[in-house]
Every structure is written in C-alpha cells, then in structure tokens.
Amino acid sequence: MNLLCLHVPTCPRDGEETALVLVTQTHMRILVASVVSALGLLAGLAGCNGGGATFSPRPENGTAFSGTVTSRADGDASGKSLMYVTNWRSGDVSILTYPQGVVFGGITGFDQPEGECVDAAGDVFIADQLHQEIKMFAHGGTTPIRTLTYRNAHPFGCSVDPVTGNLAVTNHRTSKAQPTIIAVYAGAQGVPKTYSFAGFQPRYCGYDNRGNLYIDGSVHHSEIAELPKGASAIVSVTLDKAIVNQGAVQWDGQYMVVAEMSPPIAYRVAFGRRAGKIVGTTKLSGAQDVGQFWIGGGKIVGPNANVYVWDYPSGGNPIRKFEGFTDPSAVVVTP
C-alpha cells in the first residue's frame, strides 16, 4: 500500500507539534474533492495568533517566528528592548523583543526598506528607499512621528550623531538628478544639508563618539569617506587593508567598525589623519552575506536570510538564530 504524508497545520500551544496524517492513494480523490474545505481550514488558521498577523512563535535555537507582517504593536513597549528587522522584499519591518525573540508587532507600507538607526531616546529611523523617505518611529510605535524626504535619492543607510542629534542618510544610487552621497538633517528634522563626493557610491554610514561621520561603499576597496565634525566637505580616508565588499559601519563604544559583507567580517578600525588602521577582526561564521548589523551588550546581531546573534568581539559561530523573515537587510535594537 502506497502512503502519502501530509502535514496538517494546527494552532499548537507551546511545545506541541503539528499533526502528521498518512493517507492512502485510494483516498486521494476524497482529498481533491475537499480542496475547498481545506482552503477554508487554512484561512481559519490565519487567526491563530489573534489579529491579522500569522506569526507562529516556536523554539529554534532561540525563539523564532514565521508569517506575514501587519502594522500593529502588541502591548506596552515600556521597559522592553525591541529588535527591528527590515524585510526588503516584502516591504515591511518585523518587531521582536530582544533578546527573547517574542513577536511584538510590525510596520508595513515601505517600498524596499533598508538601513535603520536609533537616537538616544530610543526612536527608530528607517530608510524607505523607493519612497525617497526616512521615517521616524517612537520606541514601540507603528505610526511615523516624522517623515523626512531625500528627493531623487535612494536612502540606504543612516546614523545619528551622539553629539548633536543630527541624522545622516546615504544615497545609494547617485544620479544627475541627485548627485549627492549623503544628507545630514540637523536635529533629525527639516531640510537636509547634502554633500557630494565624486566617484563614490555609498552604502552605510556611522558616527563615532566625537561626531565624525564615516561612509563606506567606495569602488576603491581600501578607501572610505569621512565627513569630519564641523567640516564643510567630505574627505577620503585610506585603510591599511582592502575591504572588497564593504558593509555596515558602526561605533562599538571604543572603535569604528567597518564590515566586509561577504564573507562577513567586522573590522575594528582606529582612525586618524585621513588613515585607518585595523586593530581587530571579528569573523561572523555561519552566514554568507551580512548587511547592516547592530552591536551592543557584548553581542553583534545581523541579517542573512535569518537573523543571527554572535558574541562580540570574539565572533565565530552564531549563538542564536531568529527565523521567518523575507530578505532581511538590516537589524537594529532599541533600548
């Protein structure tokens, strides 16, 4: 007797497994005739978690989820650290508690969301690339409290100056209509001051603790750009090692970190006099192409199909994994 194995979705409680049904081929016609009923069952399952989302939390070397995202927040965000993950392909942002990984909510309505950054108050800025906007959300909020425009640009990465509160945003695709590579919004509001730098196609940017802004993405692998604090023009900075596929740029509390996206490596860099010297290396094993990551609390959290957590600065194999995203491109954690 030939058997077919079918997984029947249910709404299990924590620790329960989905049902497995063995069906003989002689019953296949019954199954085909019951397609409409089966579809009705699946539609009913969409409400298993209450509300419009179909998140299904489950353990997977840490808590993970699977499902679609709706604009909502479940409960009070006060006192909770939240992890925001931009889903580039589906145009939404997943919000989970950190480090627990419990689904807190989501935000929709983006068109290719990319980089994220956080200010001292815990507000989150998200680059909405094809809408040519940067949206600001309060900690745990799902409705923008401010929307900034970078006209004719492709907003990609961002960073908040810890000294002034200014917001810097990169333009990933320069053009005749918008030749500038970076926009700086004083106080994270209003009309930005923009800066050009010939031959540069930026990805990410990051402020250090003194207000110097570093920008990567150059076609010259041993070069990044810097907008020194108080300067009116961008200058070139030479690294002592070529980074072929430049990735995230972030301050780790002691050094600027400039990353190689693939293979993913985070380099700690000491800058000075228009030169950068690599003083430490963190290999992010278990992933192939890590975009914008977040560093904090002795951990580095970054996306690559899933979202992984590594010890920092030791690196090595990931210690946790969160699943269920659609082409995640950036991760940030709010206090």
C-alpha atoms as a PDB file:
ATOM      1  CA  MET A   1       0.000   0.000   0.000  1.00  0.00           C
ATOM      2  CA  ASN A   2       1.463   3.374  -1.024  1.00  0.00           C
ATOM      3  CA  LEU A   3       1.229   6.152   1.549  1.00  0.00           C
ATOM      4  CA  LEU A   4       1.301   9.912   1.227  1.00  0.00           C
ATOM      5  CA  CYS A   5       2.455  12.071   4.131  1.00  0.00           C
ATOM      6  CA  LEU A   6       0.598  15.313   4.760  1.00  0.00           C
ATOM      7  CA  HIS A   7       1.364  17.895   7.438  1.00  0.00           C
ATOM      8  CA  VAL A   8      -1.901  19.360   8.700  1.00  0.00           C
ATOM      9  CA  PRO A   9      -1.426  22.863  10.134  1.00  0.00           C
ATOM     10  CA  THR A  10      -2.972  23.422  13.518  1.00  0.00           C
ATOM     11  CA  CYS A  11      -2.769  26.067  16.210  1.00  0.00           C
ATOM     12  CA  PRO A  12      -0.494  24.253  18.681  1.00  0.00           C
ATOM     13  CA  ARG A  13       0.299  25.521  22.116  1.00  0.00           C
ATOM     14  CA  ASP A  14       3.936  25.934  23.052  1.00  0.00           C
ATOM     15  CA  GLY A  15       5.733  22.602  22.858  1.00  0.00           C
ATOM     16  CA  GLU A  16       3.129  20.844  20.700  1.00  0.00           C
ATOM     17  CA  GLU A  17       3.872  19.559  17.215  1.00  0.00           C
ATOM     18  CA  THR A  18       1.694  19.784  14.091  1.00  0.00           C
ATOM     19  CA  ALA A  19      -0.270  16.690  13.193  1.00  0.00           C
ATOM     20  CA  LEU A  20       1.075  14.173  10.625  1.00  0.00           C
ATOM     21  CA  VAL A  21      -1.543  12.301   8.587  1.00  0.00           C
ATOM     22  CA  LEU A  22      -0.900   9.204   6.488  1.00  0.00           C
ATOM     23  CA  VAL A  23      -3.244   8.962   3.517  1.00  0.00           C
ATOM     24  CA  THR A  24      -3.604   6.092   1.085  1.00  0.00           C
ATOM     25  CA  GLN A  25      -3.712   6.776  -2.615  1.00  0.00           C
ATOM     26  CA  THR A  26      -7.244   5.408  -2.713  1.00  0.00           C
ATOM     27  CA  HIS A  27      -8.292   8.347  -0.573  1.00  0.00           C
ATOM     28  CA  MET A  28      -6.718  10.926  -2.849  1.00  0.00           C
ATOM     29  CA  ARG A  29      -9.955  11.589  -4.688  1.00  0.00           C
ATOM     30  CA  ILE A  30     -11.580  12.411  -1.383  1.00  0.00           C
ATOM     31  CA  LEU A  31      -8.812  14.907  -0.669  1.00  0.00           C
ATOM     32  CA  VAL A  32      -9.117  16.508  -4.078  1.00  0.00           C
ATOM     33  CA  ALA A  33     -12.854  16.822  -3.651  1.00  0.00           C
ATOM     34  CA  SER A  34     -12.233  18.517  -0.310  1.00  0.00           C
ATOM     35  CA  VAL A  35      -9.943  21.244  -1.582  1.00  0.00           C
ATOM     36  CA  VAL A  36     -12.472  23.942  -0.787  1.00  0.00           C
ATOM     37  CA  SER A  37     -12.800  22.714   2.773  1.00  0.00           C
ATOM     38  CA  ALA A  38      -9.043  22.552   3.126  1.00  0.00           C
ATOM     39  CA  LEU A  39      -8.704  26.119   1.927  1.00  0.00           C
ATOM     40  CA  GLY A  40     -11.285  27.160   4.449  1.00  0.00           C
ATOM     41  CA  LEU A  41      -9.229  25.467   7.155  1.00  0.00           C
ATOM     42  CA  LEU A  42      -6.108  27.331   6.104  1.00  0.00           C
ATOM     43  CA  ALA A  43      -7.978  30.626   6.076  1.00  0.00           C
ATOM     44  CA  GLY A  44      -9.181  29.966   9.578  1.00  0.00           C
ATOM     45  CA  LEU A  45      -5.622  29.323  10.735  1.00  0.00           C
ATOM     46  CA  ALA A  46      -4.689  32.895   9.857  1.00  0.00           C
ATOM     47  CA  GLY A  47      -6.312  33.983  13.082  1.00  0.00           C
ATOM     48  CA  CYS A  48      -4.472  31.518  15.329  1.00  0.00           C
ATOM     49  CA  ASN A  49      -2.476  34.241  16.994  1.00  0.00           C
ATOM     50  CA  GLY A  50      -5.255  36.784  17.175  1.00  0.00           C
ATOM     51  CA  GLY A  51      -5.453  39.784  14.856  1.00  0.00           C
ATOM     52  CA  GLY A  52      -4.312  39.892  11.251  1.00  0.00           C
ATOM     53  CA  ALA A  53      -0.781  38.527  11.554  1.00  0.00           C
ATOM     54  CA  THR A  54       0.090  34.858  11.141  1.00  0.00           C
ATOM     55  CA  PHE A  55       3.162  34.736  13.353  1.00  0.00           C
ATOM     56  CA  SER A  56       3.858  31.306  14.832  1.00  0.00           C
ATOM     57  CA  PRO A  57       6.481  31.562  17.581  1.00  0.00           C
ATOM     58  CA  ARG A  58       8.457  28.361  18.081  1.00  0.00           C
ATOM     59  CA  PRO A  59      11.836  27.407  19.542  1.00  0.00           C
ATOM     60  CA  GLU A  60      14.744  27.205  17.085  1.00  0.00           C
ATOM     61  CA  ASN A  61      17.999  27.734  18.990  1.00  0.00           C
ATOM     62  CA  GLY A  62      16.176  30.732  20.407  1.00  0.00           C
ATOM     63  CA  THR A  63      12.615  31.867  19.766  1.00  0.00           C
ATOM     64  CA  ALA A  64      11.669  32.418  16.137  1.00  0.00           C
ATOM     65  CA  PHE A  65       8.572  33.250  14.147  1.00  0.00           C
ATOM     66  CA  SER A  66       7.063  32.700  10.756  1.00  0.00           C
ATOM     67  CA  GLY A  67       4.362  34.652   8.960  1.00  0.00           C
ATOM     68  CA  THR A  68       3.254  37.906   7.444  1.00  0.00           C
ATOM     69  CA  VAL A  69       3.560  41.350   8.975  1.00  0.00           C
ATOM     70  CA  THR A  70       0.789  43.797   9.780  1.00  0.00           C
ATOM     71  CA  SER A  71       1.126  47.275  11.252  1.00  0.00           C
ATOM     72  CA  ARG A  72       0.433  46.695  14.907  1.00  0.00           C
ATOM     73  CA  ALA A  73       2.039  46.660  18.342  1.00  0.00           C
ATOM     74  CA  ASP A  74       1.099  44.104  20.968  1.00  0.00           C
ATOM     75  CA  GLY A  75       1.129  45.744  24.361  1.00  0.00           C
ATOM     76  CA  ASP A  76       3.266  48.348  26.083  1.00  0.00           C
ATOM     77  CA  ALA A  77       6.864  48.769  24.899  1.00  0.00           C
ATOM     78  CA  SER A  78       7.992  50.462  28.098  1.00  0.00           C
ATOM     79  CA  GLY A  79      10.973  48.718  29.658  1.00  0.00           C
ATOM     80  CA  LYS A  80      11.371  46.379  26.678  1.00  0.00           C
ATOM     81  CA  SER A  81      14.317  46.237  24.311  1.00  0.00           C
ATOM     82  CA  LEU A  82      12.991  45.770  20.787  1.00  0.00           C
ATOM     83  CA  MET A  83      14.666  44.387  17.669  1.00  0.00           C
ATOM     84  CA  TYR A  84      13.601  45.942  14.347  1.00  0.00           C
ATOM     85  CA  VAL A  85      14.289  43.933  11.176  1.00  0.00           C
ATOM     86  CA  THR A  86      13.702  45.461   7.736  1.00  0.00           C
ATOM     87  CA  ASN A  87      12.310  42.970   5.218  1.00  0.00           C
ATOM     88  CA  TRP A  88      13.496  44.293   1.887  1.00  0.00           C
ATOM     89  CA  ARG A  89      11.424  42.092  -0.397  1.00  0.00           C
ATOM     90  CA  SER A  90       8.059  42.288   1.380  1.00  0.00           C
ATOM     91  CA  GLY A  91       8.361  45.992   2.212  1.00  0.00           C
ATOM     92  CA  ASP A  92       7.745  45.725   5.933  1.00  0.00           C
ATOM     93  CA  VAL A  93       9.516  45.728   9.285  1.00  0.00           C
ATOM     94  CA  SER A  94       9.292  42.989  11.915  1.00  0.00           C
ATOM     95  CA  ILE A  95       9.481  43.956  15.594  1.00  0.00           C
ATOM     96  CA  LEU A  96      10.530  41.390  18.204  1.00  0.00           C
ATOM     97  CA  THR A  97      11.538  41.665  21.824  1.00  0.00           C
ATOM     98  CA  TYR A  98      15.272  41.342  22.360  1.00  0.00           C
ATOM     99  CA  PRO A  99      16.887  39.033  23.265  1.00  0.00           C
ATOM    100  CA  GLN A 100      13.793  36.857  23.809  1.00  0.00           C
ATOM    101  CA  GLY A 101      12.652  36.992  20.187  1.00  0.00           C
ATOM    102  CA  VAL A 102       8.940  37.214  21.054  1.00  0.00           C
ATOM    103  CA  VAL A 103       6.890  38.868  18.315  1.00  0.00           C
ATOM    104  CA  PHE A 104       5.883  42.363  19.438  1.00  0.00           C
ATOM    105  CA  GLY A 105       4.459  43.810  16.222  1.00  0.00           C
ATOM    106  CA  GLY A 106       5.255  45.066  12.746  1.00  0.00           C
ATOM    107  CA  ILE A 107       5.161  48.030  10.388  1.00  0.00           C
ATOM    108  CA  THR A 108       4.015  47.935   6.752  1.00  0.00           C
ATOM    109  CA  GLY A 109       3.863  50.391   3.865  1.00  0.00           C
ATOM    110  CA  PHE A 110       7.514  50.612   2.825  1.00  0.00           C
ATOM    111  CA  ASP A 111       8.981  50.135  -0.640  1.00  0.00           C
ATOM    112  CA  GLN A 112      12.349  48.408  -0.211  1.00  0.00           C
ATOM    113  CA  PRO A 113      13.193  49.383   3.371  1.00  0.00           C
ATOM    114  CA  GLU A 114      16.916  49.277   4.049  1.00  0.00           C
ATOM    115  CA  GLY A 115      19.072  50.745   6.820  1.00  0.00           C
ATOM    116  CA  GLU A 116      17.966  51.651  10.333  1.00  0.00           C
ATOM    117  CA  CYS A 117      19.394  53.682  13.197  1.00  0.00           C
ATOM    118  CA  VAL A 118      18.386  54.736  16.710  1.00  0.00           C
ATOM    119  CA  ASP A 119      18.734  58.001  18.612  1.00  0.00           C
ATOM    120  CA  ALA A 120      19.446  58.481  22.313  1.00  0.00           C
ATOM    121  CA  ALA A 121      15.729  58.484  23.133  1.00  0.00           C
ATOM    122  CA  GLY A 122      15.162  55.084  21.507  1.00  0.00           C
ATOM    123  CA  ASP A 123      13.416  56.491  18.431  1.00  0.00           C
ATOM    124  CA  VAL A 124      13.970  54.418  15.285  1.00  0.00           C
ATOM    125  CA  PHE A 125      14.744  55.823  11.813  1.00  0.00           C
ATOM    126  CA  ILE A 126      14.110  53.585   8.790  1.00  0.00           C
ATOM    127  CA  ALA A 127      15.309  54.337   5.247  1.00  0.00           C
ATOM    128  CA  ASP A 128      12.417  53.814   2.810  1.00  0.00           C
ATOM    129  CA  GLN A 129      14.431  53.556  -0.379  1.00  0.00           C
ATOM    130  CA  LEU A 130      11.973  53.809  -3.262  1.00  0.00           C
ATOM    131  CA  HIS A 131       9.712  56.263  -1.442  1.00  0.00           C
ATOM    132  CA  GLN A 132      12.768  58.531  -1.046  1.00  0.00           C
ATOM    133  CA  GLU A 133      11.961  58.970   2.632  1.00  0.00           C
ATOM    134  CA  ILE A 134      13.278  58.329   6.096  1.00  0.00           C
ATOM    135  CA  LYS A 135      10.551  57.511   8.599  1.00  0.00           C
ATOM    136  CA  MET A 136      10.914  58.098  12.339  1.00  0.00           C
ATOM    137  CA  PHE A 137       9.062  55.935  14.868  1.00  0.00           C
ATOM    138  CA  ALA A 138       8.854  56.218  18.632  1.00  0.00           C
ATOM    139  CA  HIS A 139      10.074  53.187  20.572  1.00  0.00           C
ATOM    140  CA  GLY A 140       7.418  50.518  20.023  1.00  0.00           C
ATOM    141  CA  GLY A 141       5.338  52.752  17.746  1.00  0.00           C
ATOM    142  CA  THR A 142       3.988  51.717  14.354  1.00  0.00           C
ATOM    143  CA  THR A 143       2.889  55.119  13.003  1.00  0.00           C
ATOM    144  CA  PRO A 144       5.605  57.568  11.859  1.00  0.00           C
ATOM    145  CA  ILE A 145       6.029  60.557  14.138  1.00  0.00           C
ATOM    146  CA  ARG A 146       8.134  62.273  11.476  1.00  0.00           C
ATOM    147  CA  THR A 147       8.854  61.698   7.776  1.00  0.00           C
ATOM    148  CA  LEU A 148      11.936  63.195   6.147  1.00  0.00           C
ATOM    149  CA  THR A 149      12.485  63.441   2.397  1.00  0.00           C
ATOM    150  CA  TYR A 150      15.676  62.888   0.395  1.00  0.00           C
ATOM    151  CA  ARG A 151      14.451  63.884  -3.061  1.00  0.00           C
ATOM    152  CA  ASN A 152      15.566  61.939  -6.154  1.00  0.00           C
ATOM    153  CA  ALA A 153      17.721  59.749  -3.917  1.00  0.00           C
ATOM    154  CA  HIS A 154      17.746  56.132  -2.742  1.00  0.00           C
ATOM    155  CA  PRO A 155      18.053  56.421   1.063  1.00  0.00           C
ATOM    156  CA  PHE A 156      20.006  53.385   2.213  1.00  0.00           C
ATOM    157  CA  GLY A 157      21.978  53.673   5.462  1.00  0.00           C
ATOM    158  CA  CYS A 158      21.659  56.067   8.381  1.00  0.00           C
ATOM    159  CA  SER A 159      23.282  57.077  11.639  1.00  0.00           C
ATOM    160  CA  VAL A 160      22.504  59.520  14.450  1.00  0.00           C
ATOM    161  CA  ASP A 161      25.278  61.778  15.768  1.00  0.00           C
ATOM    162  CA  PRO A 162      25.524  61.179  19.543  1.00  0.00           C
ATOM    163  CA  VAL A 163      26.955  64.694  19.996  1.00  0.00           C
ATOM    164  CA  THR A 164      24.418  66.832  18.096  1.00  0.00           C
ATOM    165  CA  GLY A 165      21.476  64.508  17.386  1.00  0.00           C
ATOM    166  CA  ASN A 166      21.904  65.131  13.643  1.00  0.00           C
ATOM    167  CA  LEU A 167      20.746  62.376  11.316  1.00  0.00           C
ATOM    168  CA  ALA A 168      22.943  61.304   8.370  1.00  0.00           C
ATOM    169  CA  VAL A 169      21.447  59.308   5.464  1.00  0.00           C
ATOM    170  CA  THR A 170      23.318  57.813   2.497  1.00  0.00           C
ATOM    171  CA  ASN A 171      22.133  57.945  -1.120  1.00  0.00           C
ATOM    172  CA  HIS A 172      22.911  54.516  -2.563  1.00  0.00           C
ATOM    173  CA  ARG A 173      22.340  55.497  -6.207  1.00  0.00           C
ATOM    174  CA  THR A 174      23.677  58.858  -7.236  1.00  0.00           C
ATOM    175  CA  SER A 175      22.352  60.389 -10.453  1.00  0.00           C
ATOM    176  CA  LYS A 176      22.230  63.643 -12.379  1.00  0.00           C
ATOM    177  CA  ALA A 177      19.029  64.462 -10.532  1.00  0.00           C
ATOM    178  CA  GLN A 178      20.650  63.755  -7.160  1.00  0.00           C
ATOM    179  CA  PRO A 179      24.476  63.628  -7.304  1.00  0.00           C
ATOM    180  CA  THR A 180      24.980  63.915  -3.539  1.00  0.00           C
ATOM    181  CA  ILE A 181      26.040  60.887  -1.497  1.00  0.00           C
ATOM    182  CA  ILE A 182      24.902  61.958   1.972  1.00  0.00           C
ATOM    183  CA  ALA A 183      22.230  64.131   3.559  1.00  0.00           C
ATOM    184  CA  VAL A 184      22.536  65.476   7.103  1.00  0.00           C
ATOM    185  CA  TYR A 185      19.350  66.592   8.875  1.00  0.00           C
ATOM    186  CA  ALA A 186      20.082  69.000  11.727  1.00  0.00           C
ATOM    187  CA  GLY A 187      18.327  67.718  14.808  1.00  0.00           C
ATOM    188  CA  ALA A 188      16.908  64.893  12.659  1.00  0.00           C
ATOM    189  CA  GLN A 189      14.339  67.200  11.086  1.00  0.00           C
ATOM    190  CA  GLY A 190      13.705  69.709   8.316  1.00  0.00           C
ATOM    191  CA  VAL A 191      15.553  70.117   5.025  1.00  0.00           C
ATOM    192  CA  PRO A 192      18.961  68.411   4.930  1.00  0.00           C
ATOM    193  CA  LYS A 193      22.371  69.731   4.007  1.00  0.00           C
ATOM    194  CA  THR A 194      23.752  67.476   1.280  1.00  0.00           C
ATOM    195  CA  TYR A 195      27.316  66.575   0.349  1.00  0.00           C
ATOM    196  CA  SER A 196      28.865  65.283  -2.869  1.00  0.00           C
ATOM    197  CA  PHE A 197      31.962  63.154  -3.375  1.00  0.00           C
ATOM    198  CA  ALA A 198      32.891  62.187  -6.929  1.00  0.00           C
ATOM    199  CA  GLY A 199      33.294  58.520  -7.770  1.00  0.00           C
ATOM    200  CA  PHE A 200      31.606  57.266  -4.606  1.00  0.00           C
ATOM    201  CA  GLN A 201      28.526  55.027  -4.411  1.00  0.00           C
ATOM    202  CA  PRO A 202      27.755  54.790  -0.681  1.00  0.00           C
ATOM    203  CA  ARG A 203      26.075  52.063   1.305  1.00  0.00           C
ATOM    204  CA  TYR A 204      26.239  52.614   5.049  1.00  0.00           C
ATOM    205  CA  CYS A 205      27.473  55.311   7.381  1.00  0.00           C
ATOM    206  CA  GLY A 206      28.271  55.671  11.060  1.00  0.00           C
ATOM    207  CA  TYR A 207      29.169  58.408  13.546  1.00  0.00           C
ATOM    208  CA  ASP A 208      31.881  57.934  16.126  1.00  0.00           C
ATOM    209  CA  ASN A 209      31.605  59.281  19.676  1.00  0.00           C
ATOM    210  CA  ARG A 210      33.040  62.668  18.657  1.00  0.00           C
ATOM    211  CA  GLY A 211      30.697  63.407  15.765  1.00  0.00           C
ATOM    212  CA  ASN A 212      32.920  62.341  12.851  1.00  0.00           C
ATOM    213  CA  LEU A 213      30.926  60.576  10.129  1.00  0.00           C
ATOM    214  CA  TYR A 214      32.369  57.623   8.181  1.00  0.00           C
ATOM    215  CA  ILE A 215      30.819  56.398   4.923  1.00  0.00           C
ATOM    216  CA  ASP A 216      31.607  53.215   3.011  1.00  0.00           C
ATOM    217  CA  GLY A 217      30.760  51.818  -0.418  1.00  0.00           C
ATOM    218  CA  SER A 218      33.661  53.150  -2.481  1.00  0.00           C
ATOM    219  CA  VAL A 219      34.714  51.350  -5.640  1.00  0.00           C
ATOM    220  CA  HIS A 220      38.234  51.705  -4.261  1.00  0.00           C
ATOM    221  CA  HIS A 221      38.431  48.818  -1.812  1.00  0.00           C
ATOM    222  CA  SER A 222      40.933  50.427   0.537  1.00  0.00           C
ATOM    223  CA  GLU A 223      39.083  53.722   0.777  1.00  0.00           C
ATOM    224  CA  ILE A 224      36.134  55.068   2.718  1.00  0.00           C
ATOM    225  CA  ALA A 225      34.882  58.626   3.065  1.00  0.00           C
ATOM    226  CA  GLU A 226      34.773  60.859   6.126  1.00  0.00           C
ATOM    227  CA  LEU A 227      32.826  63.991   6.965  1.00  0.00           C
ATOM    228  CA  PRO A 228      34.846  65.303   9.918  1.00  0.00           C
ATOM    229  CA  LYS A 229      32.972  67.028  12.705  1.00  0.00           C
ATOM    230  CA  GLY A 230      32.237  70.622  11.726  1.00  0.00           C
ATOM    231  CA  ALA A 231      33.721  70.208   8.224  1.00  0.00           C
ATOM    232  CA  SER A 232      32.090  71.530   5.074  1.00  0.00           C
ATOM    233  CA  ALA A 233      33.377  68.830   2.720  1.00  0.00           C
ATOM    234  CA  ILE A 234      33.934  65.080   2.602  1.00  0.00           C
ATOM    235  CA  VAL A 235      37.479  63.737   2.506  1.00  0.00           C
ATOM    236  CA  SER A 236      38.957  60.386   1.541  1.00  0.00           C
ATOM    237  CA  VAL A 237      40.354  58.035   4.190  1.00  0.00           C
ATOM    238  CA  THR A 238      42.731  55.202   3.294  1.00  0.00           C
ATOM    239  CA  LEU A 239      42.520  51.873   5.115  1.00  0.00           C
ATOM    240  CA  ASP A 240      45.553  49.632   5.653  1.00  0.00           C
ATOM    241  CA  LYS A 241      43.577  46.680   4.242  1.00  0.00           C
ATOM    242  CA  ALA A 242      41.344  46.404   1.190  1.00  0.00           C
ATOM    243  CA  ILE A 243      37.709  45.596   2.066  1.00  0.00           C
ATOM    244  CA  VAL A 244      36.240  44.335  -1.191  1.00  0.00           C
ATOM    245  CA  ASN A 245      32.515  44.200  -0.356  1.00  0.00           C
ATOM    246  CA  GLN A 246      32.062  46.945   2.213  1.00  0.00           C
ATOM    247  CA  GLY A 247      29.149  46.601   4.619  1.00  0.00           C
ATOM    248  CA  ALA A 248      27.953  48.098   7.890  1.00  0.00           C
ATOM    249  CA  VAL A 249      29.709  50.996   9.643  1.00  0.00           C
ATOM    250  CA  GLN A 250      29.144  51.379  13.378  1.00  0.00           C
ATOM    251  CA  TRP A 251      30.712  52.662  16.584  1.00  0.00           C
ATOM    252  CA  ASP A 252      31.198  49.850  19.106  1.00  0.00           C
ATOM    253  CA  GLY A 253      31.998  52.019  22.105  1.00  0.00           C
ATOM    254  CA  GLN A 254      35.742  52.051  21.501  1.00  0.00           C
ATOM    255  CA  TYR A 255      36.410  51.742  17.770  1.00  0.00           C
ATOM    256  CA  MET A 256      34.627  52.312  14.495  1.00  0.00           C
ATOM    257  CA  VAL A 257      33.636  49.018  12.908  1.00  0.00           C
ATOM    258  CA  VAL A 258      33.765  48.686   9.113  1.00  0.00           C
ATOM    259  CA  ALA A 259      32.433  45.398   7.795  1.00  0.00           C
ATOM    260  CA  GLU A 260      33.005  43.116   4.851  1.00  0.00           C
ATOM    261  CA  MET A 261      29.583  41.838   3.770  1.00  0.00           C
ATOM    262  CA  SER A 262      30.780  38.607   2.160  1.00  0.00           C
ATOM    263  CA  PRO A 263      32.443  36.714   3.695  1.00  0.00           C
ATOM    264  CA  PRO A 264      31.095  38.572   6.733  1.00  0.00           C
ATOM    265  CA  ILE A 265      33.881  40.066   8.843  1.00  0.00           C
ATOM    266  CA  ALA A 266      33.691  43.050  11.195  1.00  0.00           C
ATOM    267  CA  TYR A 267      36.925  45.058  11.341  1.00  0.00           C
ATOM    268  CA  ARG A 268      37.630  47.344  14.288  1.00  0.00           C
ATOM    269  CA  VAL A 269      39.405  50.386  12.903  1.00  0.00           C
ATOM    270  CA  ALA A 270      41.385  53.154  14.599  1.00  0.00           C
ATOM    271  CA  PHE A 271      41.109  56.339  12.509  1.00  0.00           C
ATOM    272  CA  GLY A 272      43.342  59.378  12.448  1.00  0.00           C
ATOM    273  CA  ARG A 273      44.935  61.800   9.965  1.00  0.00           C
ATOM    274  CA  ARG A 274      42.856  60.542   6.999  1.00  0.00           C
ATOM    275  CA  ALA A 275      44.003  56.968   7.560  1.00  0.00           C
ATOM    276  CA  GLY A 276      42.502  53.910   9.204  1.00  0.00           C
ATOM    277  CA  LYS A 277      44.362  51.030  10.837  1.00  0.00           C
ATOM    278  CA  ILE A 278      42.626  47.709  11.506  1.00  0.00           C
ATOM    279  CA  VAL A 279      43.215  46.740  15.137  1.00  0.00           C
ATOM    280  CA  GLY A 280      40.815  43.803  15.485  1.00  0.00           C
ATOM    281  CA  THR A 281      38.839  41.276  13.447  1.00  0.00           C
ATOM    282  CA  THR A 282      35.533  39.542  14.186  1.00  0.00           C
ATOM    283  CA  LYS A 283      34.582  36.700  11.847  1.00  0.00           C
ATOM    284  CA  LEU A 284      30.845  36.066  11.608  1.00  0.00           C
ATOM    285  CA  SER A 285      30.742  32.364  10.786  1.00  0.00           C
ATOM    286  CA  GLY A 286      27.572  30.539   9.773  1.00  0.00           C
ATOM    287  CA  ALA A 287      26.389  33.305   7.416  1.00  0.00           C
ATOM    288  CA  GLN A 288      27.264  34.248   3.856  1.00  0.00           C
ATOM    289  CA  ASP A 289      26.253  37.870   3.343  1.00  0.00           C
ATOM    290  CA  VAL A 290      25.547  40.072   6.374  1.00  0.00           C
ATOM    291  CA  GLY A 291      24.124  43.556   5.784  1.00  0.00           C
ATOM    292  CA  GLN A 292      23.647  46.176   8.460  1.00  0.00           C
ATOM    293  CA  PHE A 293      24.189  44.758  11.932  1.00  0.00           C
ATOM    294  CA  TRP A 294      23.821  46.101  15.465  1.00  0.00           C
ATOM    295  CA  ILE A 295      26.453  45.926  18.200  1.00  0.00           C
ATOM    296  CA  GLY A 296      25.660  46.126  21.899  1.00  0.00           C
ATOM    297  CA  GLY A 297      25.890  44.255  25.181  1.00  0.00           C
ATOM    298  CA  GLY A 298      28.778  42.094  24.004  1.00  0.00           C
ATOM    299  CA  LYS A 299      26.750  40.850  21.038  1.00  0.00           C
ATOM    300  CA  ILE A 300      26.540  41.542  17.322  1.00  0.00           C
ATOM    301  CA  VAL A 301      23.172  40.918  15.631  1.00  0.00           C
ATOM    302  CA  GLY A 302      22.926  40.777  11.852  1.00  0.00           C
ATOM    303  CA  PRO A 303      20.753  39.578   8.939  1.00  0.00           C
ATOM    304  CA  ASN A 304      21.445  36.873   6.352  1.00  0.00           C
ATOM    305  CA  ALA A 305      18.154  35.196   5.306  1.00  0.00           C
ATOM    306  CA  ASN A 306      17.734  34.656   9.052  1.00  0.00           C
ATOM    307  CA  VAL A 307      18.878  36.945  11.845  1.00  0.00           C
ATOM    308  CA  TYR A 308      21.881  35.693  13.800  1.00  0.00           C
ATOM    309  CA  VAL A 309      23.489  36.636  17.103  1.00  0.00           C
ATOM    310  CA  TRP A 310      27.228  36.321  17.668  1.00  0.00           C
ATOM    311  CA  ASP A 311      29.398  37.040  20.676  1.00  0.00           C
ATOM    312  CA  TYR A 312      31.340  40.265  20.201  1.00  0.00           C
ATOM    313  CA  PRO A 313      34.201  40.787  19.649  1.00  0.00           C
ATOM    314  CA  SER A 314      35.095  37.067  19.660  1.00  0.00           C
ATOM    315  CA  GLY A 315      32.719  36.156  16.808  1.00  0.00           C
ATOM    316  CA  GLY A 316      32.844  32.601  15.484  1.00  0.00           C
ATOM    317  CA  ASN A 317      29.672  30.543  15.149  1.00  0.00           C
ATOM    318  CA  PRO A 318      26.332  32.207  15.954  1.00  0.00           C
ATOM    319  CA  ILE A 319      24.880  31.564  19.398  1.00  0.00           C
ATOM    320  CA  ARG A 320      21.252  32.251  18.413  1.00  0.00           C
ATOM    321  CA  LYS A 321      19.111  32.348  15.295  1.00  0.00           C
ATOM    322  CA  PHE A 322      15.767  34.014  14.547  1.00  0.00           C
ATOM    323  CA  GLU A 323      13.812  32.783  11.509  1.00  0.00           C
ATOM    324  CA  GLY A 324      10.825  33.753   9.402  1.00  0.00           C
ATOM    325  CA  PHE A 325      11.939  36.914   7.592  1.00  0.00           C
ATOM    326  CA  THR A 326      11.735  37.837   3.892  1.00  0.00           C
ATOM    327  CA  ASP A 327      15.146  39.016   2.712  1.00  0.00           C
ATOM    328  CA  PRO A 328      16.106  40.896   5.893  1.00  0.00           C
ATOM    329  CA  SER A 329      18.554  43.703   5.136  1.00  0.00           C
ATOM    330  CA  ALA A 330      19.143  45.469   8.447  1.00  0.00           C
ATOM    331  CA  VAL A 331      18.803  44.934  12.186  1.00  0.00           C
ATOM    332  CA  VAL A 332      18.759  47.466  15.000  1.00  0.00           C
ATOM    333  CA  VAL A 333      17.908  47.157  18.695  1.00  0.00           C
ATOM    334  CA  THR A 334      16.286  49.930  20.732  1.00  0.00           C
ATOM    335  CA  PRO A 335      16.849  50.210  24.485  1.00  0.00           C
END
